[in-house]
């Protein structure tokens, strides 16, 4: 894992995932647990909100392609763990930093 490089983005550009998928289905618990954790994580990581919402659409009918997309997001989060938002009651409401992931 020392040479591990996280993906540069949480989702591949141009990849389409849909409900009418021909890949095999995956275990519901195996898919729902990490997606639920990613949904919780979007409060401090707004840059993954869209893609996590996208894979959350398939909570009832999950396939291997959806699982691969979820794993890519998990790898991205693991590699960019230093990026997050900290909410504090004592903090001033000033915008400290702005970033655009486009």
C-alpha atoms as a PDB file:
ATOM      1  CA  UNK A   1       0.000   0.000   0.000  1.00  0.00           C
ATOM      2  CA  UNK A   2       3.012   2.325   0.133  1.00  0.00           C
ATOM      3  CA  UNK A   3       2.894   2.833  -3.632  1.00  0.00           C
ATOM      4  CA  UNK A   4      -0.871   3.285  -3.635  1.00  0.00           C
ATOM      5  CA  UNK A   5      -2.088   6.249  -5.683  1.00  0.00           C
ATOM      6  CA  UNK A   6      -5.685   7.324  -5.164  1.00  0.00           C
ATOM      7  CA  UNK A   7      -7.761   8.091  -8.247  1.00  0.00           C
ATOM      8  CA  UNK A   8      -7.643  11.775  -9.252  1.00  0.00           C
ATOM      9  CA  UNK A   9     -11.427  12.083  -9.112  1.00  0.00           C
ATOM     10  CA  UNK A  10     -14.221  10.222  -7.330  1.00  0.00           C
ATOM     11  CA  UNK A  11     -15.889   9.193 -10.588  1.00  0.00           C
ATOM     12  CA  UNK A  12     -14.703   8.523 -14.134  1.00  0.00           C
ATOM     13  CA  UNK A  13     -15.805  11.042 -16.710  1.00  0.00           C
ATOM     14  CA  UNK A  14     -18.011   9.568 -19.414  1.00  0.00           C
ATOM     15  CA  UNK A  15     -18.951   6.439 -17.463  1.00  0.00           C
ATOM     16  CA  UNK A  16     -22.681   5.805 -17.291  1.00  0.00           C
ATOM     17  CA  UNK A  17     -24.277   3.602 -14.697  1.00  0.00           C
ATOM     18  CA  UNK A  18     -27.905   2.647 -14.996  1.00  0.00           C
ATOM     19  CA  UNK A  19     -30.558   0.480 -13.402  1.00  0.00           C
ATOM     20  CA  UNK A  20     -30.772  -1.713 -16.508  1.00  0.00           C
ATOM     21  CA  UNK A  21     -27.369  -3.252 -16.007  1.00  0.00           C
ATOM     22  CA  UNK A  22     -26.204  -6.644 -17.287  1.00  0.00           C
ATOM     23  CA  UNK A  23     -23.470  -7.147 -14.688  1.00  0.00           C
ATOM     24  CA  UNK A  24     -24.179  -9.599 -11.861  1.00  0.00           C
ATOM     25  CA  UNK A  25     -25.935  -8.425  -8.707  1.00  0.00           C
ATOM     26  CA  UNK A  26     -23.939  -7.958  -5.499  1.00  0.00           C
ATOM     27  CA  UNK A  27     -24.869  -8.611  -1.897  1.00  0.00           C
ATOM     28  CA  UNK A  28     -27.199  -5.873  -0.637  1.00  0.00           C
ATOM     29  CA  UNK A  29     -25.431  -5.484   2.722  1.00  0.00           C
ATOM     30  CA  UNK A  30     -22.023  -5.364   1.040  1.00  0.00           C
ATOM     31  CA  UNK A  31     -23.264  -2.423  -1.060  1.00  0.00           C
ATOM     32  CA  UNK A  32     -25.489  -0.556   1.408  1.00  0.00           C
ATOM     33  CA  UNK A  33     -23.034  -0.288   4.297  1.00  0.00           C
ATOM     34  CA  UNK A  34     -20.318   1.690   2.490  1.00  0.00           C
ATOM     35  CA  UNK A  35     -22.872   3.776   0.577  1.00  0.00           C
ATOM     36  CA  UNK A  36     -24.550   4.728   3.854  1.00  0.00           C
ATOM     37  CA  UNK A  37     -21.204   5.705   5.328  1.00  0.00           C
ATOM     38  CA  UNK A  38     -20.398   7.762   2.241  1.00  0.00           C
ATOM     39  CA  UNK A  39     -23.771   9.516   2.533  1.00  0.00           C
ATOM     40  CA  UNK A  40     -22.865  10.490   6.094  1.00  0.00           C
ATOM     41  CA  UNK A  41     -19.431  11.652   4.958  1.00  0.00           C
ATOM     42  CA  UNK A  42     -20.893  14.117   2.447  1.00  0.00           C
ATOM     43  CA  UNK A  43     -21.551  16.551   5.318  1.00  0.00           C
ATOM     44  CA  UNK A  44     -17.838  17.240   5.580  1.00  0.00           C
ATOM     45  CA  UNK A  45     -16.847  16.319   2.025  1.00  0.00           C
ATOM     46  CA  UNK A  46     -19.206  18.203  -0.323  1.00  0.00           C
ATOM     47  CA  UNK A  47     -17.004  17.395  -3.321  1.00  0.00           C
ATOM     48  CA  UNK A  48     -18.318  13.815  -3.314  1.00  0.00           C
ATOM     49  CA  UNK A  49     -21.993  14.688  -2.796  1.00  0.00           C
ATOM     50  CA  UNK A  50     -23.061  14.277  -6.409  1.00  0.00           C
ATOM     51  CA  UNK A  51     -21.403  10.931  -7.064  1.00  0.00           C
ATOM     52  CA  UNK A  52     -22.489   9.496  -3.721  1.00  0.00           C
ATOM     53  CA  UNK A  53     -26.062  10.559  -4.478  1.00  0.00           C
ATOM     54  CA  UNK A  54     -25.733   8.904  -7.872  1.00  0.00           C
ATOM     55  CA  UNK A  55     -24.695   5.524  -6.474  1.00  0.00           C
ATOM     56  CA  UNK A  56     -27.282   5.828  -3.691  1.00  0.00           C
ATOM     57  CA  UNK A  57     -30.016   5.679  -6.349  1.00  0.00           C
ATOM     58  CA  UNK A  58     -29.187   1.994  -6.780  1.00  0.00           C
ATOM     59  CA  UNK A  59     -29.666   0.891  -3.160  1.00  0.00           C
ATOM     60  CA  UNK A  60     -32.549  -1.424  -4.118  1.00  0.00           C
ATOM     61  CA  UNK A  61     -31.053  -2.890  -7.282  1.00  0.00           C
ATOM     62  CA  UNK A  62     -27.278  -2.992  -6.935  1.00  0.00           C
ATOM     63  CA  UNK A  63     -25.005  -4.556  -9.530  1.00  0.00           C
ATOM     64  CA  UNK A  64     -21.281  -5.069  -9.871  1.00  0.00           C
ATOM     65  CA  UNK A  65     -20.857  -1.873 -11.929  1.00  0.00           C
ATOM     66  CA  UNK A  66     -22.462   0.131  -9.110  1.00  0.00           C
ATOM     67  CA  UNK A  67     -20.180  -1.565  -6.590  1.00  0.00           C
ATOM     68  CA  UNK A  68     -17.108  -0.670  -8.668  1.00  0.00           C
ATOM     69  CA  UNK A  69     -18.223   2.971  -8.730  1.00  0.00           C
ATOM     70  CA  UNK A  70     -18.687   2.912  -4.940  1.00  0.00           C
ATOM     71  CA  UNK A  71     -15.225   1.383  -4.471  1.00  0.00           C
ATOM     72  CA  UNK A  72     -13.664   4.108  -6.615  1.00  0.00           C
ATOM     73  CA  UNK A  73     -15.248   6.758  -4.378  1.00  0.00           C
ATOM     74  CA  UNK A  74     -13.955   4.931  -1.290  1.00  0.00           C
ATOM     75  CA  UNK A  75     -10.439   4.828  -2.773  1.00  0.00           C
ATOM     76  CA  UNK A  76     -10.666   8.539  -3.581  1.00  0.00           C
ATOM     77  CA  UNK A  77     -11.758   9.363  -0.029  1.00  0.00           C
ATOM     78  CA  UNK A  78      -8.982   7.202   1.419  1.00  0.00           C
ATOM     79  CA  UNK A  79      -6.386   9.012  -0.686  1.00  0.00           C
ATOM     80  CA  UNK A  80      -7.683  12.498   0.095  1.00  0.00           C
ATOM     81  CA  UNK A  81      -8.374  12.107   3.792  1.00  0.00           C
ATOM     82  CA  UNK A  82      -6.685  15.444   4.539  1.00  0.00           C
ATOM     83  CA  UNK A  83      -9.476  17.354   2.717  1.00  0.00           C
ATOM     84  CA  UNK A  84     -12.520  18.013   4.888  1.00  0.00           C
ATOM     85  CA  UNK A  85     -14.606  20.770   6.412  1.00  0.00           C
ATOM     86  CA  UNK A  86     -14.570  21.303  10.163  1.00  0.00           C
ATOM     87  CA  UNK A  87     -17.685  22.872  11.673  1.00  0.00           C
ATOM     88  CA  UNK A  88     -17.223  24.578  15.013  1.00  0.00           C
ATOM     89  CA  UNK A  89     -19.494  26.664  17.223  1.00  0.00           C
ATOM     90  CA  UNK A  90     -16.672  29.125  17.925  1.00  0.00           C
ATOM     91  CA  UNK A  91     -15.670  29.576  14.281  1.00  0.00           C
ATOM     92  CA  UNK A  92     -16.297  32.833  12.489  1.00  0.00           C
ATOM     93  CA  UNK A  93     -18.657  32.596   9.507  1.00  0.00           C
ATOM     94  CA  UNK A  94     -15.965  33.731   7.074  1.00  0.00           C
ATOM     95  CA  UNK A  95     -15.081  31.731   3.992  1.00  0.00           C
ATOM     96  CA  UNK A  96     -11.522  30.641   4.607  1.00  0.00           C
ATOM     97  CA  UNK A  97     -10.838  28.699   1.404  1.00  0.00           C
ATOM     98  CA  UNK A  98     -12.565  28.035  -1.860  1.00  0.00           C
ATOM     99  CA  UNK A  99     -11.790  25.274  -4.303  1.00  0.00           C
ATOM    100  CA  UNK A 100     -13.268  24.120  -7.560  1.00  0.00           C
ATOM    101  CA  UNK A 101     -12.785  20.449  -8.397  1.00  0.00           C
ATOM    102  CA  UNK A 102     -13.593  20.995 -12.067  1.00  0.00           C
END
